[in-house]
Amino acid sequence: LSASSNLEASDRIEAHELVHVISHAVIRRQPRWFAEGMAKYYETVEIGGGTAELGREPTYRGQPMMIHHLEPIAQIFACMSLACTDQAFYATAWALFTYLTNTHGDQLAHYEAVLAQTGDDRRAWQEAFGALSLDQLEHDLREWLAHGSHVVLHFKVQLQDPAVQVRAISDADVYALRAFMTYEFIGDRERIKTDLAAAQALEPQNPLAQKVAAALGR
């Protein structure tokens, strides 16, 4: 990934996906609204001049960004698969996470702690927000979006020059990559099996080959 920032859409995608990777190391099981809402929140990060700012309203090339209409909160809570993550889902997940960060920070932190410890979303929500009905939460969220204020967090950062190592990829990696890309974009099972067998013959424990084999077996 290129880490150079030009505030284009690709930078937001990189930040979004990095949040998923980092946060899942801390909170192993996350409801989809929480995972996507947090990732959308962190998309707003801007780094420059020795500081990082987080929590601004969504913008595109410095201009306010129009977001999709909101979905009912009960509906995004019920979303478990990618099939229901449309634009309205992402807009609502961002709005809810940002609202809770700004207005219920202690409760959100407690929710995250219980979720990290137990992996039980229902229990975590009940312990942290049990006194708040979804109807009231939805009303308060819409009122905050229309009339509320938000906090922008500022951090001092010192960017480091990365230590980059370069190596030629092995033949096993090449075969595994071909198998992976064929699996993802073409679906030719015979080609996948041929490249997979070649990768595993050269390197039986190749991690990407193992991933493709597991996906193919499923």
N, C-alpha and C. Protein backbone atom coordinates (compact mmCIF):
# COMPACT_ATOMS: atom_id res chain seq x y z
N LEU A 1 0.84 -1.20 0.00
CA LEU A 1 0.00 0.00 0.00
C LEU A 1 0.87 1.25 0.00
N SER A 2 0.47 2.20 -0.78
CA SER A 2 1.15 3.49 -0.72
C SER A 2 0.61 4.26 0.48
N ALA A 3 1.51 4.75 1.31
CA ALA A 3 1.09 5.48 2.51
C ALA A 3 1.10 6.99 2.30
N SER A 4 1.42 7.45 1.09
CA SER A 4 1.41 8.89 0.83
C SER A 4 -0.03 9.39 0.84
N SER A 5 -0.25 10.50 1.50
CA SER A 5 -1.61 10.99 1.68
C SER A 5 -1.90 12.15 0.74
N ASN A 6 -2.93 12.00 -0.05
CA ASN A 6 -3.40 13.12 -0.87
C ASN A 6 -4.89 13.38 -0.65
N LEU A 7 -5.41 12.81 0.44
CA LEU A 7 -6.81 13.00 0.85
C LEU A 7 -7.79 12.54 -0.22
N GLU A 8 -7.38 11.55 -1.01
CA GLU A 8 -8.29 10.96 -1.98
C GLU A 8 -9.04 9.81 -1.34
N ALA A 9 -9.98 9.26 -2.10
CA ALA A 9 -10.79 8.17 -1.55
C ALA A 9 -9.93 6.98 -1.16
N SER A 10 -8.84 6.74 -1.90
CA SER A 10 -8.01 5.57 -1.61
C SER A 10 -7.39 5.67 -0.22
N ASP A 11 -7.08 6.88 0.24
CA ASP A 11 -6.50 7.04 1.57
C ASP A 11 -7.52 6.65 2.64
N ARG A 12 -8.78 7.00 2.44
CA ARG A 12 -9.80 6.63 3.40
C ARG A 12 -9.96 5.11 3.45
N ILE A 13 -9.87 4.47 2.28
CA ILE A 13 -10.00 3.02 2.24
C ILE A 13 -8.86 2.37 3.00
N GLU A 14 -7.64 2.87 2.82
CA GLU A 14 -6.49 2.31 3.52
C GLU A 14 -6.66 2.46 5.03
N ALA A 15 -7.05 3.65 5.48
CA ALA A 15 -7.27 3.86 6.91
C ALA A 15 -8.37 2.94 7.42
N HIS A 16 -9.45 2.82 6.66
CA HIS A 16 -10.59 1.99 7.03
C HIS A 16 -10.15 0.54 7.25
N GLU A 17 -9.42 -0.01 6.29
CA GLU A 17 -9.03 -1.42 6.38
C GLU A 17 -7.99 -1.65 7.46
N LEU A 18 -7.09 -0.69 7.67
CA LEU A 18 -6.11 -0.83 8.75
C LEU A 18 -6.79 -0.86 10.11
N VAL A 19 -7.86 -0.09 10.27
CA VAL A 19 -8.61 -0.12 11.54
C VAL A 19 -9.17 -1.51 11.79
N HIS A 20 -9.71 -2.14 10.74
CA HIS A 20 -10.22 -3.51 10.90
C HIS A 20 -9.11 -4.44 11.39
N VAL A 21 -7.95 -4.37 10.75
CA VAL A 21 -6.84 -5.26 11.10
C VAL A 21 -6.40 -5.05 12.54
N ILE A 22 -6.20 -3.78 12.92
CA ILE A 22 -5.68 -3.47 14.26
C ILE A 22 -6.73 -3.77 15.33
N SER A 23 -7.97 -3.36 15.10
CA SER A 23 -8.99 -3.50 16.14
C SER A 23 -9.34 -4.96 16.39
N HIS A 24 -9.28 -5.80 15.35
CA HIS A 24 -9.62 -7.20 15.57
C HIS A 24 -8.55 -7.94 16.37
N ALA A 25 -7.37 -7.37 16.47
CA ALA A 25 -6.37 -7.96 17.34
C ALA A 25 -6.70 -7.71 18.80
N VAL A 26 -7.52 -6.71 19.08
CA VAL A 26 -7.90 -6.36 20.45
C VAL A 26 -9.29 -6.90 20.78
N ILE A 27 -10.24 -6.70 19.88
CA ILE A 27 -11.62 -7.17 20.07
C ILE A 27 -11.88 -8.20 18.98
N ARG A 28 -11.76 -9.46 19.34
CA ARG A 28 -11.76 -10.53 18.34
C ARG A 28 -13.10 -10.68 17.65
N ARG A 29 -14.18 -10.53 18.41
CA ARG A 29 -15.52 -10.67 17.82
C ARG A 29 -16.22 -9.33 17.89
N GLN A 30 -16.59 -8.79 16.73
CA GLN A 30 -17.22 -7.48 16.67
C GLN A 30 -18.51 -7.56 15.86
N PRO A 31 -19.60 -6.97 16.36
CA PRO A 31 -20.78 -6.86 15.51
C PRO A 31 -20.47 -5.97 14.32
N ARG A 32 -21.12 -6.22 13.22
CA ARG A 32 -20.75 -5.53 11.98
C ARG A 32 -20.95 -4.02 12.08
N TRP A 33 -22.01 -3.56 12.74
CA TRP A 33 -22.23 -2.11 12.82
C TRP A 33 -21.07 -1.44 13.56
N PHE A 34 -20.58 -2.11 14.62
CA PHE A 34 -19.49 -1.55 15.42
C PHE A 34 -18.20 -1.52 14.62
N ALA A 35 -17.89 -2.63 13.95
CA ALA A 35 -16.65 -2.71 13.17
C ALA A 35 -16.63 -1.66 12.07
N GLU A 36 -17.73 -1.54 11.34
CA GLU A 36 -17.75 -0.59 10.23
C GLU A 36 -17.88 0.84 10.72
N GLY A 37 -18.63 1.06 11.79
CA GLY A 37 -18.76 2.42 12.32
C GLY A 37 -17.44 2.95 12.83
N MET A 38 -16.68 2.10 13.53
CA MET A 38 -15.37 2.52 14.02
C MET A 38 -14.41 2.79 12.87
N ALA A 39 -14.43 1.91 11.86
CA ALA A 39 -13.54 2.11 10.71
C ALA A 39 -13.90 3.39 9.96
N LYS A 40 -15.18 3.68 9.82
CA LYS A 40 -15.60 4.93 9.15
C LYS A 40 -15.19 6.15 9.97
N TYR A 41 -15.28 6.03 11.30
CA TYR A 41 -14.87 7.13 12.16
C TYR A 41 -13.38 7.44 11.97
N TYR A 42 -12.57 6.39 11.93
CA TYR A 42 -11.12 6.60 11.81
C TYR A 42 -10.71 7.01 10.39
N GLU A 43 -11.60 6.87 9.43
CA GLU A 43 -11.32 7.39 8.09
C GLU A 43 -11.08 8.89 8.10
N THR A 44 -11.59 9.57 9.11
CA THR A 44 -11.49 11.02 9.14
C THR A 44 -10.12 11.52 9.57
N VAL A 45 -9.19 10.61 9.88
CA VAL A 45 -7.88 11.02 10.38
C VAL A 45 -7.14 11.84 9.32
N GLU A 46 -6.50 12.91 9.77
CA GLU A 46 -5.66 13.72 8.90
C GLU A 46 -4.33 13.93 9.60
N ILE A 47 -3.24 13.58 8.92
CA ILE A 47 -1.91 13.65 9.49
C ILE A 47 -1.07 14.64 8.71
N GLY A 48 -0.41 15.53 9.43
CA GLY A 48 0.46 16.49 8.77
C GLY A 48 1.01 17.50 9.75
N GLY A 49 2.23 17.97 9.50
CA GLY A 49 2.81 18.99 10.35
C GLY A 49 3.05 18.55 11.77
N GLY A 50 3.30 17.26 11.98
CA GLY A 50 3.58 16.77 13.32
C GLY A 50 2.35 16.52 14.17
N THR A 51 1.16 16.63 13.58
CA THR A 51 -0.07 16.38 14.34
C THR A 51 -0.98 15.45 13.55
N ALA A 52 -1.84 14.79 14.29
CA ALA A 52 -2.91 13.98 13.69
C ALA A 52 -4.23 14.45 14.28
N GLU A 53 -5.20 14.69 13.43
CA GLU A 53 -6.53 15.10 13.86
C GLU A 53 -7.52 13.99 13.53
N LEU A 54 -8.40 13.73 14.47
CA LEU A 54 -9.35 12.64 14.33
C LEU A 54 -10.72 13.07 14.81
N GLY A 55 -11.73 12.74 14.04
CA GLY A 55 -13.10 12.97 14.48
C GLY A 55 -13.82 14.11 13.78
N ARG A 56 -13.21 14.65 12.70
CA ARG A 56 -13.91 15.69 11.95
C ARG A 56 -15.07 15.08 11.17
N GLU A 57 -15.94 15.95 10.69
CA GLU A 57 -17.03 15.48 9.85
C GLU A 57 -16.47 14.95 8.53
N PRO A 58 -17.15 14.02 7.88
CA PRO A 58 -16.63 13.49 6.61
C PRO A 58 -16.52 14.59 5.55
N THR A 59 -15.40 14.62 4.85
CA THR A 59 -15.18 15.58 3.77
C THR A 59 -14.59 14.85 2.57
N TYR A 60 -14.67 15.50 1.43
CA TYR A 60 -14.03 15.00 0.22
C TYR A 60 -13.35 16.17 -0.45
N ARG A 61 -12.01 16.08 -0.53
CA ARG A 61 -11.19 17.16 -1.09
C ARG A 61 -11.48 18.48 -0.38
N GLY A 62 -11.63 18.38 0.93
CA GLY A 62 -11.80 19.57 1.75
C GLY A 62 -13.21 20.12 1.82
N GLN A 63 -14.14 19.50 1.11
CA GLN A 63 -15.52 19.98 1.10
C GLN A 63 -16.42 19.02 1.87
N PRO A 64 -17.50 19.54 2.49
CA PRO A 64 -18.41 18.65 3.22
C PRO A 64 -18.94 17.55 2.31
N MET A 65 -19.05 16.37 2.86
CA MET A 65 -19.48 15.21 2.08
C MET A 65 -20.94 14.90 2.38
N MET A 66 -21.70 14.71 1.33
CA MET A 66 -23.09 14.27 1.51
C MET A 66 -23.07 12.78 1.84
N ILE A 67 -23.81 12.38 2.87
CA ILE A 67 -23.91 10.96 3.20
C ILE A 67 -25.33 10.49 2.96
N HIS A 68 -25.49 9.20 2.93
CA HIS A 68 -26.77 8.58 2.62
C HIS A 68 -27.76 8.78 3.76
N HIS A 69 -29.04 8.55 3.48
CA HIS A 69 -30.04 8.60 4.54
C HIS A 69 -29.74 7.50 5.55
N LEU A 70 -30.24 7.68 6.77
CA LEU A 70 -29.98 6.72 7.83
C LEU A 70 -30.98 5.57 7.81
N GLU A 71 -30.52 4.42 8.28
CA GLU A 71 -31.39 3.28 8.49
C GLU A 71 -31.81 3.22 9.95
N PRO A 72 -32.91 2.55 10.26
CA PRO A 72 -33.25 2.33 11.68
C PRO A 72 -32.13 1.60 12.38
N ILE A 73 -31.85 1.98 13.61
CA ILE A 73 -30.75 1.37 14.35
C ILE A 73 -30.97 -0.13 14.53
N ALA A 74 -32.22 -0.53 14.79
CA ALA A 74 -32.50 -1.96 14.93
C ALA A 74 -32.11 -2.73 13.68
N GLN A 75 -32.23 -2.09 12.54
CA GLN A 75 -31.91 -2.75 11.28
C GLN A 75 -30.40 -2.95 11.13
N ILE A 76 -29.60 -1.95 11.50
CA ILE A 76 -28.15 -2.14 11.38
C ILE A 76 -27.64 -3.08 12.46
N PHE A 77 -28.29 -3.13 13.61
CA PHE A 77 -27.90 -4.10 14.63
C PHE A 77 -28.14 -5.53 14.15
N ALA A 78 -29.15 -5.72 13.31
CA ALA A 78 -29.49 -7.06 12.83
C ALA A 78 -28.64 -7.49 11.65
N CYS A 79 -27.86 -6.58 11.08
CA CYS A 79 -27.05 -6.88 9.90
C CYS A 79 -25.85 -7.73 10.31
N MET A 80 -25.73 -8.91 9.74
CA MET A 80 -24.65 -9.83 10.10
C MET A 80 -23.73 -10.16 8.93
N SER A 81 -24.14 -9.84 7.69
CA SER A 81 -23.36 -10.23 6.53
C SER A 81 -23.13 -9.01 5.64
N LEU A 82 -22.22 -9.17 4.68
CA LEU A 82 -21.92 -8.08 3.75
C LEU A 82 -23.11 -7.74 2.86
N ALA A 83 -24.06 -8.66 2.74
CA ALA A 83 -25.20 -8.45 1.86
C ALA A 83 -26.03 -7.24 2.27
N CYS A 84 -26.02 -6.88 3.54
CA CYS A 84 -26.85 -5.76 4.01
C CYS A 84 -26.04 -4.50 4.29
N THR A 85 -24.76 -4.49 3.90
CA THR A 85 -23.93 -3.31 4.16
C THR A 85 -23.95 -2.38 2.95
N ASP A 86 -25.09 -1.71 2.76
CA ASP A 86 -25.19 -0.74 1.67
C ASP A 86 -24.78 0.64 2.18
N GLN A 87 -24.96 1.67 1.34
CA GLN A 87 -24.53 3.01 1.72
C GLN A 87 -25.25 3.51 2.97
N ALA A 88 -26.52 3.19 3.08
CA ALA A 88 -27.27 3.62 4.26
C ALA A 88 -26.73 2.95 5.52
N PHE A 89 -26.33 1.69 5.42
CA PHE A 89 -25.75 1.00 6.57
C PHE A 89 -24.48 1.70 7.02
N TYR A 90 -23.56 1.98 6.09
CA TYR A 90 -22.30 2.61 6.45
C TYR A 90 -22.52 4.00 7.04
N ALA A 91 -23.45 4.76 6.46
CA ALA A 91 -23.73 6.10 6.98
C ALA A 91 -24.27 6.03 8.40
N THR A 92 -25.16 5.08 8.65
CA THR A 92 -25.75 4.95 9.99
C THR A 92 -24.73 4.43 10.99
N ALA A 93 -23.91 3.48 10.58
CA ALA A 93 -22.88 2.95 11.48
C ALA A 93 -21.90 4.04 11.85
N TRP A 94 -21.47 4.84 10.86
CA TRP A 94 -20.57 5.97 11.17
C TRP A 94 -21.24 6.94 12.14
N ALA A 95 -22.49 7.31 11.85
CA ALA A 95 -23.19 8.30 12.67
C ALA A 95 -23.34 7.79 14.10
N LEU A 96 -23.71 6.53 14.27
CA LEU A 96 -23.93 5.99 15.61
C LEU A 96 -22.63 5.91 16.40
N PHE A 97 -21.57 5.40 15.77
CA PHE A 97 -20.29 5.29 16.49
C PHE A 97 -19.77 6.67 16.86
N THR A 98 -19.88 7.62 15.95
CA THR A 98 -19.39 8.98 16.21
C THR A 98 -20.22 9.65 17.29
N TYR A 99 -21.53 9.45 17.25
CA TYR A 99 -22.41 10.00 18.28
C TYR A 99 -22.06 9.43 19.65
N LEU A 100 -21.90 8.12 19.75
CA LEU A 100 -21.58 7.50 21.03
C LEU A 100 -20.21 7.97 21.53
N THR A 101 -19.25 8.12 20.63
CA THR A 101 -17.92 8.61 21.00
C THR A 101 -18.01 10.00 21.62
N ASN A 102 -18.85 10.84 21.06
CA ASN A 102 -18.94 12.22 21.50
C ASN A 102 -19.83 12.43 22.72
N THR A 103 -20.84 11.60 22.90
CA THR A 103 -21.83 11.87 23.94
C THR A 103 -21.90 10.80 25.03
N HIS A 104 -21.42 9.60 24.74
CA HIS A 104 -21.47 8.49 25.71
C HIS A 104 -20.12 7.78 25.74
N GLY A 105 -19.05 8.55 25.86
CA GLY A 105 -17.71 7.99 25.75
C GLY A 105 -17.41 6.92 26.78
N ASP A 106 -17.80 7.16 28.05
CA ASP A 106 -17.52 6.18 29.11
C ASP A 106 -18.30 4.88 28.88
N GLN A 107 -19.56 5.02 28.46
CA GLN A 107 -20.37 3.84 28.20
C GLN A 107 -19.83 3.06 27.00
N LEU A 108 -19.40 3.79 25.97
CA LEU A 108 -18.84 3.11 24.80
C LEU A 108 -17.56 2.36 25.18
N ALA A 109 -16.73 2.98 26.01
CA ALA A 109 -15.51 2.31 26.46
C ALA A 109 -15.84 1.04 27.25
N HIS A 110 -16.88 1.11 28.06
CA HIS A 110 -17.30 -0.07 28.83
C HIS A 110 -17.83 -1.16 27.89
N TYR A 111 -18.61 -0.76 26.91
CA TYR A 111 -19.11 -1.70 25.91
C TYR A 111 -17.95 -2.41 25.22
N GLU A 112 -16.94 -1.65 24.81
CA GLU A 112 -15.78 -2.23 24.13
C GLU A 112 -15.02 -3.20 25.05
N ALA A 113 -14.90 -2.83 26.31
CA ALA A 113 -14.17 -3.69 27.26
C ALA A 113 -14.89 -5.02 27.46
N VAL A 114 -16.21 -4.97 27.63
CA VAL A 114 -16.97 -6.21 27.83
C VAL A 114 -16.96 -7.05 26.55
N LEU A 115 -17.07 -6.38 25.41
CA LEU A 115 -17.04 -7.08 24.13
C LEU A 115 -15.70 -7.78 23.93
N ALA A 116 -14.61 -7.09 24.28
CA ALA A 116 -13.28 -7.68 24.14
C ALA A 116 -13.12 -8.88 25.06
N GLN A 117 -13.70 -8.79 26.24
CA GLN A 117 -13.53 -9.85 27.24
C GLN A 117 -14.40 -11.06 26.95
N THR A 118 -15.64 -10.82 26.51
CA THR A 118 -16.60 -11.91 26.39
C THR A 118 -16.94 -12.29 24.94
N GLY A 119 -16.81 -11.35 24.03
CA GLY A 119 -17.24 -11.59 22.65
C GLY A 119 -18.75 -11.62 22.50
N ASP A 120 -19.47 -11.25 23.56
CA ASP A 120 -20.93 -11.32 23.58
C ASP A 120 -21.48 -9.91 23.37
N ASP A 121 -21.95 -9.63 22.17
CA ASP A 121 -22.44 -8.29 21.83
C ASP A 121 -23.67 -7.92 22.65
N ARG A 122 -24.60 -8.85 22.80
CA ARG A 122 -25.83 -8.55 23.55
C ARG A 122 -25.52 -8.20 25.00
N ARG A 123 -24.66 -8.99 25.61
CA ARG A 123 -24.29 -8.72 27.01
C ARG A 123 -23.58 -7.38 27.13
N ALA A 124 -22.65 -7.12 26.22
CA ALA A 124 -21.90 -5.87 26.28
C ALA A 124 -22.82 -4.67 26.13
N TRP A 125 -23.76 -4.75 25.19
CA TRP A 125 -24.69 -3.64 24.99
C TRP A 125 -25.59 -3.45 26.21
N GLN A 126 -26.07 -4.56 26.76
CA GLN A 126 -26.97 -4.47 27.92
C GLN A 126 -26.26 -3.85 29.10
N GLU A 127 -24.99 -4.26 29.33
CA GLU A 127 -24.25 -3.71 30.47
C GLU A 127 -23.94 -2.23 30.30
N ALA A 128 -23.66 -1.82 29.07
CA ALA A 128 -23.23 -0.43 28.84
C ALA A 128 -24.40 0.50 28.55
N PHE A 129 -25.38 0.02 27.78
CA PHE A 129 -26.45 0.91 27.30
C PHE A 129 -27.84 0.36 27.61
N GLY A 130 -27.94 -0.55 28.54
CA GLY A 130 -29.21 -1.21 28.80
C GLY A 130 -30.34 -0.27 29.17
N ALA A 131 -30.00 0.86 29.78
CA ALA A 131 -31.05 1.80 30.20
C ALA A 131 -31.55 2.67 29.05
N LEU A 132 -30.92 2.55 27.88
CA LEU A 132 -31.26 3.42 26.74
C LEU A 132 -32.01 2.60 25.70
N SER A 133 -33.28 2.94 25.46
CA SER A 133 -34.06 2.22 24.45
C SER A 133 -33.58 2.60 23.06
N LEU A 134 -33.81 1.72 22.10
CA LEU A 134 -33.39 2.00 20.72
C LEU A 134 -34.16 3.18 20.15
N ASP A 135 -35.43 3.31 20.52
CA ASP A 135 -36.21 4.46 20.04
C ASP A 135 -35.62 5.77 20.55
N GLN A 136 -35.27 5.80 21.83
CA GLN A 136 -34.67 7.01 22.39
C GLN A 136 -33.31 7.28 21.77
N LEU A 137 -32.53 6.20 21.58
CA LEU A 137 -31.21 6.36 20.98
C LEU A 137 -31.32 6.92 19.57
N GLU A 138 -32.26 6.41 18.81
CA GLU A 138 -32.43 6.90 17.43
C GLU A 138 -32.86 8.36 17.42
N HIS A 139 -33.75 8.74 18.31
CA HIS A 139 -34.18 10.13 18.41
C HIS A 139 -33.01 11.02 18.79
N ASP A 140 -32.25 10.62 19.79
CA ASP A 140 -31.12 11.43 20.24
C ASP A 140 -30.04 11.55 19.16
N LEU A 141 -29.83 10.46 18.42
CA LEU A 141 -28.84 10.48 17.35
C LEU A 141 -29.22 11.50 16.28
N ARG A 142 -30.45 11.48 15.87
CA ARG A 142 -30.89 12.41 14.82
C ARG A 142 -30.85 13.86 15.32
N GLU A 143 -31.20 14.06 16.58
CA GLU A 143 -31.10 15.41 17.14
C GLU A 143 -29.65 15.88 17.17
N TRP A 144 -28.73 14.98 17.53
CA TRP A 144 -27.31 15.35 17.58
C TRP A 144 -26.77 15.67 16.20
N LEU A 145 -27.16 14.87 15.21
CA LEU A 145 -26.70 15.14 13.84
C LEU A 145 -27.17 16.50 13.36
N ALA A 146 -28.35 16.90 13.77
CA ALA A 146 -28.91 18.17 13.30
C ALA A 146 -28.41 19.36 14.11
N HIS A 147 -28.21 19.18 15.41
CA HIS A 147 -27.96 20.35 16.26
C HIS A 147 -26.76 20.18 17.21
N GLY A 148 -26.16 19.01 17.26
CA GLY A 148 -25.11 18.77 18.24
C GLY A 148 -23.74 19.25 17.80
N SER A 149 -22.78 19.04 18.66
CA SER A 149 -21.39 19.40 18.36
C SER A 149 -20.52 18.16 18.50
N HIS A 150 -19.32 18.21 17.94
CA HIS A 150 -18.43 17.06 18.02
C HIS A 150 -17.03 17.52 18.40
N VAL A 151 -16.31 16.60 19.02
CA VAL A 151 -14.95 16.87 19.46
C VAL A 151 -13.97 16.37 18.41
N VAL A 152 -12.99 17.20 18.09
CA VAL A 152 -11.90 16.79 17.21
C VAL A 152 -10.68 16.52 18.09
N LEU A 153 -10.17 15.32 18.04
CA LEU A 153 -9.02 14.93 18.85
C LEU A 153 -7.73 15.31 18.13
N HIS A 154 -6.76 15.79 18.89
CA HIS A 154 -5.47 16.21 18.33
C HIS A 154 -4.36 15.41 19.01
N PHE A 155 -3.49 14.83 18.21
CA PHE A 155 -2.37 14.05 18.72
C PHE A 155 -1.08 14.57 18.10
N LYS A 156 -0.03 14.63 18.92
CA LYS A 156 1.29 14.93 18.38
C LYS A 156 1.90 13.62 17.87
N VAL A 157 2.40 13.65 16.65
CA VAL A 157 2.96 12.44 16.06
C VAL A 157 4.34 12.74 15.49
N GLN A 158 5.17 11.75 15.53
CA GLN A 158 6.49 11.86 14.92
C GLN A 158 6.62 10.72 13.92
N LEU A 159 6.56 11.05 12.66
CA LEU A 159 6.62 10.02 11.63
C LEU A 159 8.03 9.45 11.53
N GLN A 160 8.09 8.18 11.32
CA GLN A 160 9.37 7.48 11.24
C GLN A 160 9.60 7.00 9.80
N ASP A 161 10.85 7.01 9.39
CA ASP A 161 11.18 6.39 8.11
C ASP A 161 11.11 4.88 8.28
N PRO A 162 10.29 4.22 7.48
CA PRO A 162 10.14 2.77 7.67
C PRO A 162 11.38 2.01 7.22
N ALA A 163 11.63 0.91 7.87
CA ALA A 163 12.71 0.00 7.46
C ALA A 163 12.11 -0.99 6.46
N VAL A 164 12.42 -0.81 5.21
CA VAL A 164 11.82 -1.62 4.15
C VAL A 164 12.78 -2.72 3.74
N GLN A 165 12.29 -3.93 3.73
CA GLN A 165 13.07 -5.07 3.26
C GLN A 165 12.50 -5.54 1.93
N VAL A 166 13.37 -5.83 1.00
CA VAL A 166 12.95 -6.26 -0.33
C VAL A 166 13.50 -7.66 -0.58
N ARG A 167 12.66 -8.54 -1.09
CA ARG A 167 13.13 -9.87 -1.45
C ARG A 167 12.36 -10.32 -2.68
N ALA A 168 12.98 -11.18 -3.44
CA ALA A 168 12.28 -11.81 -4.57
C ALA A 168 11.32 -12.86 -4.02
N ILE A 169 10.09 -12.87 -4.51
CA ILE A 169 9.15 -13.88 -4.02
C ILE A 169 9.51 -15.23 -4.61
N SER A 170 9.20 -16.27 -3.86
CA SER A 170 9.56 -17.63 -4.26
C SER A 170 8.60 -18.15 -5.32
N ASP A 171 9.01 -19.24 -5.96
CA ASP A 171 8.11 -19.88 -6.92
C ASP A 171 6.82 -20.33 -6.24
N ALA A 172 6.94 -20.81 -5.01
CA ALA A 172 5.74 -21.23 -4.29
C ALA A 172 4.79 -20.07 -4.08
N ASP A 173 5.34 -18.90 -3.76
CA ASP A 173 4.50 -17.71 -3.60
C ASP A 173 3.80 -17.35 -4.90
N VAL A 174 4.52 -17.45 -6.01
CA VAL A 174 3.93 -17.12 -7.31
C VAL A 174 2.75 -18.04 -7.62
N TYR A 175 2.95 -19.34 -7.42
CA TYR A 175 1.85 -20.29 -7.66
C TYR A 175 0.68 -20.01 -6.72
N ALA A 176 0.98 -19.72 -5.46
CA ALA A 176 -0.08 -19.45 -4.48
C ALA A 176 -0.85 -18.18 -4.85
N LEU A 177 -0.13 -17.16 -5.29
CA LEU A 177 -0.78 -15.92 -5.71
C LEU A 177 -1.67 -16.14 -6.92
N ARG A 178 -1.19 -16.93 -7.86
CA ARG A 178 -2.01 -17.22 -9.04
C ARG A 178 -3.27 -17.97 -8.64
N ALA A 179 -3.11 -18.94 -7.74
CA ALA A 179 -4.28 -19.69 -7.27
C ALA A 179 -5.26 -18.76 -6.56
N PHE A 180 -4.73 -17.87 -5.73
CA PHE A 180 -5.58 -16.94 -4.99
C PHE A 180 -6.35 -16.01 -5.93
N MET A 181 -5.64 -15.42 -6.91
CA MET A 181 -6.29 -14.48 -7.81
C MET A 181 -7.30 -15.19 -8.71
N THR A 182 -6.99 -16.42 -9.12
CA THR A 182 -7.96 -17.19 -9.90
C THR A 182 -9.20 -17.49 -9.07
N TYR A 183 -8.99 -17.83 -7.80
CA TYR A 183 -10.12 -18.11 -6.90
C TYR A 183 -10.99 -16.87 -6.73
N GLU A 184 -10.35 -15.71 -6.53
CA GLU A 184 -11.10 -14.49 -6.25
C GLU A 184 -11.82 -13.94 -7.48
N PHE A 185 -11.19 -14.01 -8.66
CA PHE A 185 -11.69 -13.25 -9.80
C PHE A 185 -12.17 -14.08 -10.97
N ILE A 186 -11.78 -15.36 -11.05
CA ILE A 186 -12.15 -16.15 -12.21
C ILE A 186 -12.99 -17.36 -11.80
N GLY A 187 -12.53 -18.07 -10.76
CA GLY A 187 -13.30 -19.20 -10.27
C GLY A 187 -13.07 -20.51 -11.00
N ASP A 188 -12.03 -20.59 -11.81
CA ASP A 188 -11.70 -21.82 -12.53
C ASP A 188 -11.06 -22.81 -11.55
N ARG A 189 -11.82 -23.77 -11.06
CA ARG A 189 -11.35 -24.66 -10.00
C ARG A 189 -10.18 -25.52 -10.45
N GLU A 190 -10.17 -25.93 -11.71
CA GLU A 190 -9.07 -26.77 -12.18
C GLU A 190 -7.75 -25.99 -12.20
N ARG A 191 -7.80 -24.75 -12.66
CA ARG A 191 -6.59 -23.91 -12.64
C ARG A 191 -6.13 -23.67 -11.21
N ILE A 192 -7.10 -23.44 -10.32
CA ILE A 192 -6.76 -23.21 -8.91
C ILE A 192 -6.05 -24.44 -8.34
N LYS A 193 -6.61 -25.62 -8.59
CA LYS A 193 -6.04 -26.85 -8.05
C LYS A 193 -4.63 -27.09 -8.60
N THR A 194 -4.43 -26.78 -9.89
CA THR A 194 -3.11 -27.00 -10.49
C THR A 194 -2.06 -26.12 -9.85
N ASP A 195 -2.37 -24.80 -9.73
CA ASP A 195 -1.40 -23.87 -9.12
C ASP A 195 -1.22 -24.16 -7.63
N LEU A 196 -2.30 -24.56 -6.99
CA LEU A 196 -2.23 -24.87 -5.56
C LEU A 196 -1.32 -26.08 -5.32
N ALA A 197 -1.46 -27.09 -6.14
CA ALA A 197 -0.63 -28.28 -5.99
C ALA A 197 0.85 -27.95 -6.22
N ALA A 198 1.11 -27.07 -7.20
CA ALA A 198 2.50 -26.68 -7.47
C ALA A 198 3.08 -25.91 -6.29
N ALA A 199 2.28 -25.02 -5.70
CA ALA A 199 2.75 -24.24 -4.54
C ALA A 199 3.03 -25.16 -3.36
N GLN A 200 2.12 -26.08 -3.09
CA GLN A 200 2.27 -26.95 -1.92
C GLN A 200 3.39 -27.97 -2.11
N ALA A 201 3.68 -28.34 -3.37
CA ALA A 201 4.79 -29.25 -3.62
C ALA A 201 6.12 -28.58 -3.29
N LEU A 202 6.22 -27.29 -3.57
CA LEU A 202 7.45 -26.55 -3.29
C LEU A 202 7.55 -26.13 -1.83
N GLU A 203 6.40 -25.78 -1.24
CA GLU A 203 6.40 -25.26 0.14
C GLU A 203 5.10 -25.68 0.81
N PRO A 204 5.06 -26.84 1.43
CA PRO A 204 3.81 -27.37 1.98
C PRO A 204 3.12 -26.44 2.98
N GLN A 205 3.88 -25.60 3.71
CA GLN A 205 3.29 -24.75 4.73
C GLN A 205 3.09 -23.31 4.25
N ASN A 206 3.14 -23.09 2.94
CA ASN A 206 2.93 -21.74 2.43
C ASN A 206 1.59 -21.19 2.92
N PRO A 207 1.58 -20.08 3.65
CA PRO A 207 0.33 -19.62 4.29
C PRO A 207 -0.75 -19.24 3.29
N LEU A 208 -0.39 -18.58 2.19
CA LEU A 208 -1.42 -18.20 1.22
C LEU A 208 -2.01 -19.43 0.54
N ALA A 209 -1.16 -20.41 0.26
CA ALA A 209 -1.66 -21.65 -0.33
C ALA A 209 -2.62 -22.35 0.63
N GLN A 210 -2.28 -22.33 1.92
CA GLN A 210 -3.17 -22.95 2.91
C GLN A 210 -4.51 -22.22 2.97
N LYS A 211 -4.47 -20.91 2.85
CA LYS A 211 -5.71 -20.12 2.87
C LYS A 211 -6.60 -20.48 1.68
N VAL A 212 -5.97 -20.56 0.49
CA VAL A 212 -6.74 -20.89 -0.70
C VAL A 212 -7.29 -22.31 -0.61
N ALA A 213 -6.47 -23.24 -0.10
CA ALA A 213 -6.94 -24.62 0.04
C ALA A 213 -8.13 -24.69 0.98
N ALA A 214 -8.08 -23.94 2.08
CA ALA A 214 -9.20 -23.94 3.02
C ALA A 214 -10.46 -23.37 2.37
N ALA A 215 -10.29 -22.27 1.62
CA ALA A 215 -11.45 -21.66 0.95
C ALA A 215 -12.03 -22.58 -0.11
N LEU A 216 -11.14 -23.25 -0.83
CA LEU A 216 -11.59 -24.17 -1.88
C LEU A 216 -12.31 -25.36 -1.27
N GLY A 217 -11.83 -25.84 -0.15
CA GLY A 217 -12.46 -26.97 0.51
C GLY A 217 -13.81 -26.65 1.10
N ARG A 218 -14.01 -25.36 1.45
CA ARG A 218 -15.29 -24.98 2.04
C ARG A 218 -16.41 -25.06 1.01
